[in-house]
Protein backbone atom coordinates (compact mmCIF):
# COMPACT_ATOMS: atom_id res chain seq x y z
CA MET A 1 -134.80 27.38 -21.90
CA GLU A 2 -135.56 24.42 -19.67
CA SER A 3 -132.49 22.71 -20.96
CA LEU A 4 -130.38 25.72 -20.08
CA LYS A 5 -131.81 25.82 -16.53
CA ALA A 6 -131.10 22.11 -16.09
CA THR A 7 -127.56 22.57 -17.31
CA THR A 8 -127.08 25.48 -14.96
CA SER A 9 -128.39 23.45 -12.02
CA ILE A 10 -126.07 20.58 -12.74
CA TRP A 11 -123.12 23.01 -13.00
CA LYS A 12 -124.04 24.51 -9.64
CA ILE A 13 -124.24 21.07 -8.03
CA GLN A 14 -120.86 20.13 -9.43
CA GLU A 15 -119.41 23.46 -8.25
CA VAL A 16 -120.70 22.84 -4.68
CA ALA A 17 -119.34 19.29 -4.76
CA LEU A 18 -115.91 20.57 -5.69
CA MET A 19 -116.02 23.24 -3.01
CA ILE A 20 -116.50 20.79 -0.12
CA LYS A 21 -113.42 18.88 -1.17
CA TYR A 22 -111.02 21.23 0.56
CA ASN A 23 -110.84 23.61 3.46
CA THR A 24 -107.89 25.98 3.34
CA ALA A 25 -108.89 27.57 6.66
CA PHE A 26 -108.32 24.19 8.36
CA GLU A 27 -105.06 23.75 6.56
CA LYS A 28 -103.79 27.17 7.77
CA THR A 29 -104.91 26.43 11.33
CA ILE A 30 -102.92 23.14 11.33
CA LEU A 31 -99.81 24.81 9.92
CA SER A 32 -100.08 27.76 12.27
CA SER A 33 -100.49 25.40 15.24
CA PHE A 34 -97.33 23.52 14.25
CA ILE A 35 -95.35 26.77 14.05
CA PHE A 36 -96.50 28.28 17.33
CA GLN A 37 -96.82 24.93 19.22
CA PRO A 38 -94.12 22.67 17.76
CA GLU A 39 -94.88 20.00 20.37
CA LEU A 40 -97.95 19.17 18.32
CA ILE A 41 -95.86 18.01 15.40
CA ALA A 42 -94.78 14.81 17.20
CA LYS A 43 -98.40 13.86 17.90
CA HIS A 44 -100.11 14.91 14.59
CA GLY A 45 -97.53 15.88 12.03
CA HIS A 46 -96.54 12.31 11.05
CA SER A 47 -100.13 11.30 10.37
CA LEU A 48 -100.29 13.87 7.58
CA LYS A 49 -98.79 13.84 4.13
CA LYS A 50 -97.91 16.60 1.72
CA GLU A 51 -100.73 15.35 -0.57
CA ASP A 52 -103.30 15.89 2.14
CA PHE A 53 -103.04 19.70 1.54
CA TYR A 54 -105.10 21.21 -1.24
CA LEU A 55 -103.00 24.27 -1.96
CA PRO A 56 -99.45 23.47 -3.23
CA ALA A 57 -98.12 26.44 -1.25
CA PHE A 58 -99.47 24.99 2.02
CA ALA A 59 -98.21 21.54 1.03
CA ASN A 60 -94.71 23.02 0.62
CA ILE A 61 -94.90 24.79 3.98
CA PHE A 62 -95.94 21.48 5.64
CA GLU A 63 -93.09 19.62 3.95
CA THR A 64 -90.61 22.31 5.11
CA ILE A 65 -91.88 22.16 8.69
CA MET A 66 -91.48 18.35 8.76
CA ASP A 67 -87.95 18.66 7.27
CA LEU A 68 -86.94 21.15 9.93
CA GLU A 69 -88.40 18.99 12.66
CA ALA A 70 -86.44 15.99 11.36
CA ASP A 71 -83.25 18.10 11.33
CA ASP A 72 -83.96 19.28 14.90
CA LYS A 73 -84.14 22.90 13.77
CA PRO A 74 -86.39 25.65 15.18
CA ILE A 75 -89.84 25.76 13.66
CA ASP A 76 -90.22 29.45 13.13
CA GLU A 77 -90.83 31.93 10.30
CA GLU A 78 -87.23 32.67 9.47
CA PHE A 79 -86.10 29.04 9.29
CA ILE A 80 -89.10 28.14 7.16
CA LYS A 81 -88.46 31.06 4.85
CA GLY A 82 -84.79 30.24 4.56
CA ARG A 83 -85.33 26.57 3.76
CA MET A 84 -88.04 27.37 1.16
CA LEU A 85 -85.93 30.04 -0.51
CA ALA A 86 -83.12 27.58 -0.89
CA LYS A 87 -85.54 25.19 -2.66
CA LYS A 88 -86.96 28.04 -4.68
CA ILE A 89 -90.54 27.26 -3.45
CA PHE A 90 -91.11 30.27 -1.16
CA ASP A 91 -94.53 31.88 -1.32
CA GLU A 92 -94.56 34.94 0.95
CA THR A 93 -98.34 35.42 0.80
CA ALA A 94 -99.07 31.81 1.78
CA LEU A 95 -96.63 31.90 4.71
CA LEU A 96 -98.12 35.16 5.92
CA ASP A 97 -101.62 33.66 5.79
CA VAL A 98 -100.37 30.79 7.94
CA ILE A 99 -98.64 33.05 10.45
CA LEU A 100 -101.73 35.23 10.87
CA ALA A 101 -104.03 32.24 11.40
CA ASN A 102 -105.09 31.37 14.96
CA PRO A 103 -103.20 28.42 16.41
CA ILE A 104 -105.10 26.03 18.61
CA ALA A 105 -104.15 23.23 21.04
CA ASN A 106 -106.63 20.57 19.93
CA ILE A 107 -105.95 20.18 16.24
CA GLU A 108 -106.94 16.50 15.94
CA PRO A 109 -110.39 17.24 14.51
CA TYR A 110 -108.81 19.56 11.96
CA VAL A 111 -106.28 16.90 10.93
CA GLU A 112 -109.00 14.32 10.55
CA GLU A 113 -111.09 16.66 8.40
CA VAL A 114 -108.18 17.62 6.14
CA LYS A 115 -107.38 13.96 5.60
CA ARG A 116 -110.99 13.14 4.92
CA LEU A 117 -111.25 15.90 2.31
CA ALA A 118 -108.01 14.63 0.71
CA GLN A 119 -109.74 11.26 0.34
CA PHE A 120 -112.67 12.91 -1.35
CA ARG A 121 -110.39 14.62 -3.86
CA ALA A 122 -108.53 11.36 -4.51
CA LEU A 123 -111.88 9.58 -5.07
CA HIS A 124 -112.98 12.34 -7.43
CA ASN A 125 -109.76 12.12 -9.42
CA LEU A 126 -110.18 8.35 -9.63
CA GLY A 127 -113.68 8.79 -11.12
CA VAL A 128 -112.39 11.33 -13.64
CA HIS A 129 -109.56 8.97 -14.66
CA LEU A 130 -111.84 5.99 -15.05
CA ILE A 131 -114.12 8.08 -17.34
CA ASN A 132 -111.31 9.59 -19.42
CA GLU A 133 -108.91 6.66 -19.70
CA GLU A 134 -109.39 4.23 -22.55
CA PHE A 135 -108.90 0.79 -21.01
CA SER A 136 -108.52 -2.06 -23.41
CA GLU A 137 -110.10 -4.63 -21.00
CA VAL A 138 -112.79 -4.37 -18.33
CA THR A 139 -110.58 -6.34 -15.93
CA GLU A 140 -107.80 -3.74 -16.42
CA ALA A 141 -110.15 -0.94 -15.35
CA ILE A 142 -111.40 -3.02 -12.37
CA ASN A 143 -107.81 -3.80 -11.22
CA TYR A 144 -106.89 -0.14 -11.50
CA ALA A 145 -110.00 0.88 -9.52
CA GLU A 146 -109.26 -1.74 -6.81
CA VAL A 147 -105.64 -0.65 -6.34
CA SER A 148 -106.58 3.04 -6.36
CA THR A 149 -109.44 2.51 -3.90
CA LYS A 150 -107.11 0.62 -1.52
CA ASN A 151 -104.60 3.49 -1.66
CA ILE A 152 -107.39 6.00 -0.93
CA ILE A 153 -108.48 3.94 2.10
CA ASP A 154 -104.85 3.74 3.25
CA MET A 155 -104.58 7.53 3.18
CA ASN A 156 -106.22 7.59 6.66
CA LEU A 157 -104.40 4.53 8.01
CA SER A 158 -100.85 5.65 8.70
CA GLY A 159 -98.89 3.52 11.16
CA ASP A 160 -97.33 6.70 12.53
CA GLU A 161 -100.79 7.85 13.52
CA PHE A 162 -100.93 5.13 16.17
CA GLY A 163 -97.37 5.62 17.40
CA ILE A 164 -96.36 2.00 16.56
CA SER A 165 -92.82 1.17 17.64
CA SER A 166 -90.83 -1.92 18.65
CA LEU A 167 -91.06 -2.65 22.36
CA VAL A 168 -87.28 -3.54 22.32
CA ASP A 169 -86.38 -0.25 20.71
CA ALA A 170 -88.68 1.86 22.86
CA PRO A 171 -86.82 4.42 24.96
CA ASP A 172 -86.16 3.72 28.61
CA GLY A 173 -87.54 6.03 31.26
CA GLN A 174 -89.40 6.33 34.51
CA THR A 175 -92.28 8.36 35.88
CA GLU A 176 -91.28 11.54 37.59
CA PHE A 177 -92.99 12.64 40.83
CA ILE A 178 -93.43 15.93 42.67
CA LEU A 179 -93.95 16.26 46.40
CA LYS A 180 -92.01 13.03 46.92
CA GLU A 181 -91.48 13.64 50.65
CA TRP A 182 -95.06 14.63 51.41
CA LEU A 183 -97.82 13.40 49.06
CA PRO A 184 -96.29 12.08 45.82
CA LEU A 185 -98.02 13.00 42.57
CA PRO A 186 -96.95 11.68 39.12
CA ARG A 187 -95.98 14.08 36.37
CA GLY A 188 -97.56 13.93 32.93
CA THR A 189 -100.98 12.81 33.99
CA VAL A 190 -104.06 13.56 36.03
CA SER A 191 -104.56 12.79 39.74
CA LEU A 192 -107.65 12.83 41.87
CA VAL A 193 -108.08 13.82 45.54
CA VAL A 194 -111.44 12.67 46.95
CA ALA A 195 -113.01 13.72 50.24
CA PRO A 196 -116.36 14.49 51.90
CA GLY A 197 -117.27 18.16 52.34
CA GLY A 198 -115.55 19.90 55.28
CA THR A 199 -112.58 17.52 55.30
CA GLY A 200 -109.98 20.04 54.21
CA LYS A 201 -109.69 19.68 50.44
CA SER A 202 -108.94 23.39 49.98
CA TRP A 203 -106.30 23.36 52.78
CA THR A 204 -104.73 20.33 51.07
CA ALA A 205 -104.67 22.01 47.67
CA LEU A 206 -103.02 25.13 49.02
CA GLN A 207 -100.43 23.14 50.84
CA MET A 208 -99.65 21.08 47.76
CA ALA A 209 -99.05 24.29 45.75
CA LEU A 210 -97.06 26.01 48.49
CA ARG A 211 -94.82 23.03 49.09
CA HIS A 212 -94.22 22.39 45.40
CA SER A 213 -93.40 26.01 44.49
CA ARG A 214 -91.23 26.46 47.54
CA ASN A 215 -89.20 23.35 46.79
CA SER A 216 -89.00 23.42 43.00
CA LYS A 217 -89.32 27.21 42.31
CA LEU A 218 -91.89 26.27 39.64
CA LYS A 219 -95.29 27.89 39.32
CA SER A 220 -98.45 26.38 40.74
CA LEU A 221 -102.10 27.35 40.12
CA VAL A 222 -105.00 26.69 42.47
CA TRP A 223 -108.51 27.34 41.20
CA LEU A 224 -110.72 27.31 44.29
CA SER A 225 -114.10 28.16 42.82
CA GLU A 226 -115.93 27.77 46.13
CA ASP A 227 -113.81 30.03 48.33
CA PRO A 228 -113.29 33.86 48.35
CA ILE A 229 -109.70 34.83 47.68
CA TYR A 230 -109.24 36.49 51.05
CA GLU A 231 -110.04 33.17 52.76
CA SER A 232 -107.51 31.34 50.58
CA LYS A 233 -104.87 33.92 51.40
CA LYS A 234 -105.55 33.61 55.15
CA ARG A 235 -105.22 29.85 54.91
CA ALA A 236 -102.06 29.99 52.87
CA LYS A 237 -100.51 32.39 55.35
CA ASN A 238 -101.43 30.01 58.25
CA ILE A 239 -99.90 27.08 56.38
CA CYS A 240 -96.63 28.91 55.76
CA GLU A 241 -96.26 30.23 59.34
CA ASP A 242 -97.65 27.33 61.42
CA ILE A 243 -97.00 24.21 59.30
CA LEU A 244 -94.13 25.02 56.92
CA HIS A 245 -92.49 27.43 59.39
CA THR A 246 -91.51 29.91 56.72
CA VAL A 247 -92.40 33.48 55.82
CA PHE A 248 -95.46 34.06 53.70
CA ASP A 249 -93.59 35.15 50.60
CA VAL A 250 -94.23 32.48 48.02
CA ARG A 251 -94.59 34.23 44.67
CA GLY A 252 -94.91 31.09 42.58
CA VAL A 253 -98.44 30.25 43.71
CA ASP A 254 -101.39 31.85 41.97
CA VAL A 255 -105.05 31.49 43.05
CA VAL A 256 -108.29 31.90 41.07
CA SER A 257 -111.47 32.51 43.06
CA ARG A 258 -114.30 32.88 40.56
CA ASN A 259 -116.96 30.90 38.81
CA PRO A 260 -115.63 27.82 36.97
CA ILE A 261 -115.42 27.41 33.24
CA GLN A 262 -117.71 24.55 32.35
CA MET A 263 -116.33 22.09 29.76
CA MET A 264 -119.48 20.10 28.88
CA GLN A 265 -122.17 21.89 26.98
CA ASN A 266 -125.30 20.10 25.58
CA LYS A 267 -123.64 16.77 26.42
CA LYS A 268 -120.60 17.62 24.26
CA PHE A 269 -117.13 18.72 25.28
CA SER A 270 -116.46 22.43 24.59
CA HIS A 271 -113.02 22.50 22.99
CA ALA A 272 -113.28 26.31 22.82
CA ASN A 273 -113.62 26.59 26.62
CA PHE A 274 -110.86 24.09 27.18
CA TYR A 275 -108.52 25.95 24.83
CA LYS A 276 -109.26 29.16 26.64
CA PHE A 277 -108.47 27.42 29.94
CA ARG A 278 -105.27 25.81 28.72
CA LYS A 279 -104.00 28.91 26.96
CA ASN A 280 -104.42 31.11 30.04
CA PHE A 281 -102.69 28.64 32.28
CA ALA A 282 -99.72 27.76 30.09
CA GLY A 283 -96.45 27.72 32.07
CA TYR A 284 -97.79 26.26 35.33
CA ASP A 285 -96.13 23.08 36.51
CA LEU A 286 -98.95 22.12 38.91
CA VAL A 287 -102.62 22.87 38.24
CA ILE A 288 -105.19 22.11 40.97
CA ILE A 289 -108.89 22.41 40.16
CA ASP A 290 -111.63 22.46 42.85
CA PRO A 291 -114.18 20.93 42.60
CA LEU A 292 -114.19 18.72 39.54
CA LEU A 293 -117.99 18.66 39.06
CA ALA A 294 -118.23 22.49 38.92
CA PHE A 295 -115.96 22.56 35.90
CA TYR A 296 -117.51 19.44 34.34
CA GLY A 297 -121.03 20.76 33.75
CA GLY A 298 -122.34 17.47 32.39
CA ASP A 299 -124.26 14.49 33.73
CA GLU A 300 -122.07 13.34 36.63
CA ASN A 301 -123.13 9.72 36.19
CA ASP A 302 -122.56 9.52 32.45
CA ASN A 303 -119.32 7.65 31.75
CA SER A 304 -119.07 8.74 28.11
CA GLN A 305 -119.34 12.43 29.04
CA ALA A 306 -116.90 11.97 31.97
CA ARG A 307 -114.36 10.36 29.69
CA ALA A 308 -114.73 13.09 27.10
CA PHE A 309 -114.10 15.62 29.90
CA MET A 310 -111.04 13.87 31.33
CA GLN A 311 -109.19 13.04 28.05
CA PRO A 312 -108.19 16.62 27.07
CA PHE A 313 -106.80 17.22 30.57
CA MET A 314 -104.85 13.97 30.34
CA ASP A 315 -103.50 15.03 26.94
CA TRP A 316 -102.53 18.42 28.32
CA ALA A 317 -100.68 16.92 31.30
CA SER A 318 -98.89 14.43 29.06
CA GLU A 319 -97.90 16.91 26.34
CA GLU A 320 -96.45 19.41 28.82
CA ASN A 321 -95.30 16.91 31.50
CA ILE A 322 -97.20 18.72 34.26
CA CYS A 323 -99.31 17.60 37.18
CA ILE A 324 -103.05 18.24 37.05
CA VAL A 325 -105.06 17.50 40.18
CA PHE A 326 -108.81 17.50 40.52
CA LEU A 327 -110.46 17.80 43.94
CA HIS A 328 -113.61 15.74 44.01
CA HIS A 329 -116.40 15.05 46.41
CA SER A 330 -116.91 11.51 47.75
CA LYS A 331 -120.16 9.64 48.18
CA LYS A 332 -121.95 10.01 51.49
CA ASN A 333 -121.57 7.26 54.10
CA SER A 334 -118.82 5.53 52.16
CA GLU A 335 -117.24 2.56 53.87
CA ASP A 336 -113.57 2.44 54.75
CA SER A 337 -112.07 0.39 51.97
CA MET A 338 -109.35 0.44 49.44
CA ARG A 339 -111.80 1.24 46.73
CA SER A 340 -112.27 4.88 45.82
CA SER A 341 -115.55 6.49 47.11
CA ALA A 342 -115.46 9.13 44.36
CA ARG A 343 -118.89 10.48 43.49
CA GLY A 344 -120.42 10.10 40.01
CA ALA A 345 -119.22 8.27 36.93
CA GLY A 346 -116.46 5.69 37.27
CA ALA A 347 -114.72 7.24 34.30
CA PHE A 348 -113.40 10.03 36.56
CA VAL A 349 -111.45 7.54 38.62
CA ASP A 350 -110.55 5.39 35.54
CA ALA A 351 -108.89 8.35 33.85
CA ALA A 352 -106.85 9.40 36.91
CA ARG A 353 -103.57 7.51 37.43
CA THR A 354 -103.36 8.30 41.15
CA VAL A 355 -106.25 8.70 43.60
CA TYR A 356 -106.06 9.80 47.23
CA GLN A 357 -108.96 9.68 49.63
CA ILE A 358 -108.96 12.10 52.59
CA ASP A 359 -110.62 11.50 55.95
CA LYS A 360 -110.46 12.85 59.46
CA ILE A 361 -108.84 10.93 62.26
CA TYR A 362 -111.22 8.95 64.50
CA THR A 363 -110.81 7.14 67.75
CA ASN A 364 -113.75 5.02 66.65
CA LYS A 365 -114.86 5.47 63.03
CA HIS A 366 -117.95 3.30 63.41
CA THR A 367 -119.40 5.55 66.12
CA GLY A 368 -118.02 8.71 64.52
CA VAL A 369 -115.91 9.71 67.57
CA LEU A 370 -113.14 12.03 66.35
CA ASP A 371 -109.61 11.95 67.74
CA MET A 372 -109.50 15.50 69.06
CA ASP A 373 -105.77 15.32 69.77
CA ASN A 374 -105.32 14.98 65.99
CA ALA A 375 -108.07 17.34 64.80
CA HIS A 376 -105.41 19.15 62.65
CA MET A 377 -104.37 15.91 60.97
CA ARG A 378 -105.94 14.00 58.06
CA GLU A 379 -105.60 10.41 56.87
CA PHE A 380 -104.70 10.01 53.19
CA MET A 381 -105.56 6.60 51.69
CA LEU A 382 -104.03 5.65 48.37
CA THR A 383 -106.96 4.00 46.54
CA LYS A 384 -105.42 3.95 43.06
CA ASP A 385 -101.77 3.76 42.13
CA ASN A 386 -100.83 3.09 38.52
CA TYR A 387 -97.29 4.54 38.62
CA GLY A 388 -95.84 3.27 41.86
CA VAL A 389 -96.56 6.03 44.40
CA ILE A 390 -96.49 3.37 47.14
CA ARG A 391 -92.70 3.07 46.69
CA LEU A 392 -92.34 6.67 47.87
CA LEU A 393 -95.21 6.72 50.33
CA ASN A 394 -94.28 3.35 51.93
CA ASP A 395 -97.84 2.73 52.99
CA TYR A 396 -101.36 2.90 51.63
CA LYS A 397 -102.45 5.03 54.59
CA VAL A 398 -100.52 8.01 55.86
CA GLN A 399 -101.35 10.99 58.18
CA ARG A 400 -100.45 14.54 57.28
CA GLU A 401 -100.91 17.85 59.08
CA ILE A 402 -103.41 19.85 57.02
CA THR A 403 -104.61 22.66 59.27
CA PRO A 404 -102.64 24.50 62.01
CA LYS A 405 -103.25 23.28 65.55
CA SER A 406 -104.54 26.73 66.44
CA SER A 407 -107.48 26.38 64.00
CA ALA A 408 -108.01 22.76 65.07
CA ARG A 409 -108.77 23.97 68.58
CA VAL A 410 -111.77 25.88 67.17
CA VAL A 411 -112.91 22.62 65.61
CA GLU A 412 -112.55 20.89 69.01
CA VAL A 413 -114.70 23.46 70.75
CA GLU A 414 -117.38 23.22 68.05
CA TYR A 415 -117.29 19.41 68.14
CA LYS A 416 -117.71 19.22 71.90
CA TYR A 417 -120.58 21.72 71.78
CA GLU A 418 -122.39 19.62 69.17
CA ARG A 419 -122.05 16.47 71.38
CA LEU A 420 -123.49 18.05 74.57
CA GLU A 421 -126.76 16.39 75.56
CA MET A 422 -129.76 18.62 75.89
CA PRO A 423 -131.05 18.81 79.52
CA LYS A 424 -134.30 16.93 80.18
CA ILE A 425 -137.31 19.12 80.99
């Protein structure tokens, strides 16, 4: 009886060991993501092999997707079905399972896990072969094991995974910019606009979006988590009428005025929250988020958390060739220098390719005396420029009209009132 129990326990352990060597749900998610988001194939498809998939039906679907991608054909259900029927490998149930699976934007962890499990299976098969094969010499078995082990290690070391290419054969190109005539921003990356509170970040964000959508006819999104929507509408109307001198009828600009979605939870990046964010805002050419720290939700001085937060946004901008701009608070009492005064971890600035710093116009900055003739203007200082914004801006410091002169007069009255000396008693 004890022997039977022991045998049963061993069988159960072996069964569990075999179960963890594949995950068909992950395989379906990867394939579904490739079908519904073909742009992911270029980044992740070439790091996978047919042998990485446990189910032959899924392996065939993957191979068919890669063949269609190589032939520059659409990656959709009908083309996949037609190609597989021609090869006599079509499995309708398997393809339906894949189509019904939920696609996701960040499939890198799924790809890594599928490849890791494939290595487990290969290692298991090596062990079985070494036990069952009758080698005539010990050295023969050792050589076979060495070669097989190297091949198993190499399963996760594809050159395609790192995007290796000859520098000479690399394609030519140049960075695209939006808002070239006003405040240039590079496409395909993340930019940062840094300013103290009350400097006009929200006015700047709205003007960026209004100018871009008016000039390009492309959609812009501004998430102003600190302002009610009626205030944003009033400001946008003032910008159109008093600064841009146009009617307030820009349909390409959308605004969100609600609590932010925080991306860092328990010191780890929430891919679920980011996917929700990215999925809802697909199709926007310019995405402006205010303020950065409200969406961050982590330790603002932790560089590792800050980098984990910024990287998915950088990937999103790069994959869809859009502009993502974070509005960020600056440190208090920062000195006037060409170094960014962005608050918190340096990784925020390190990740951004372009950083602007906003300040008011002063007649004497050391004494804090404002230039009231230019209360509606702001100085933009380019403190980081990786892609050559300076060639369009022509200077590291420029002045731009941010608020209408009419609203600046209110600021002037308030400013003068604050500077009145109290009468002596």
